[in-house]
């Protein structure tokens, strides 16, 4: 004969307290099913692996489902695009330090901000060294604009343009004043036309004297 459990008598007040305690106890949440990565996430994961192989040919093939899930997290939670992920990992593997440290999407995600800052700083154009403005066309134009000379004039030779830039630099960073052109007077302008004409009021006899008398035969 099967044994029966003895009945436990609980008064109403105690039962209510037990039920209230059960209601107050934190309820375990059922684990939420992870959202699966899509096909593009896995394609991106495989592209990242191929990029890593370029610098680490013996790198072992990973679990692409795990990698695709990390790509999904970067895309959904961090707002990264697949293109941004590929470009940043490619830059990281062009860097002698980072190429040995960024070997998975998880590491790419972990160091994203630092990688972005270093990449952007490396891509900033560096100003030409002082006094070396003539070493490239871009540096020449930058210096010419800085000192107010501007680009070369149509048909102007490089030597002439560089000379004007140097004059502006020597002039304290300002283009030298253009030379003052003196307009010739009307008399000077007409001088060739009057050449050989007797000046008005000139008495040649007074200057030369009387003509000599003819000699007797």
Foldseek 3Di string as FASTA:
>chain_A
DDDDDDDDDDDPVVVVVVVVVVVPDDDDDDDDDDDFFDPVLLVLQVLLQVLLCVQVVPDDDDDSRVQSVLSVCCCPVVVDDSVNLNVLSNVLCVDPPRSVPPNGSVSCVVCVVVSVVVVVVVPDDDQDDPPCLPVDPVSVQVLCVQLVNHDDDVPDDPVVSVVQSVCSVVVVSYGDDDDDDDDDDPCVVCVVVCPPPDDPPDDVCVVPPDDDDDDDD
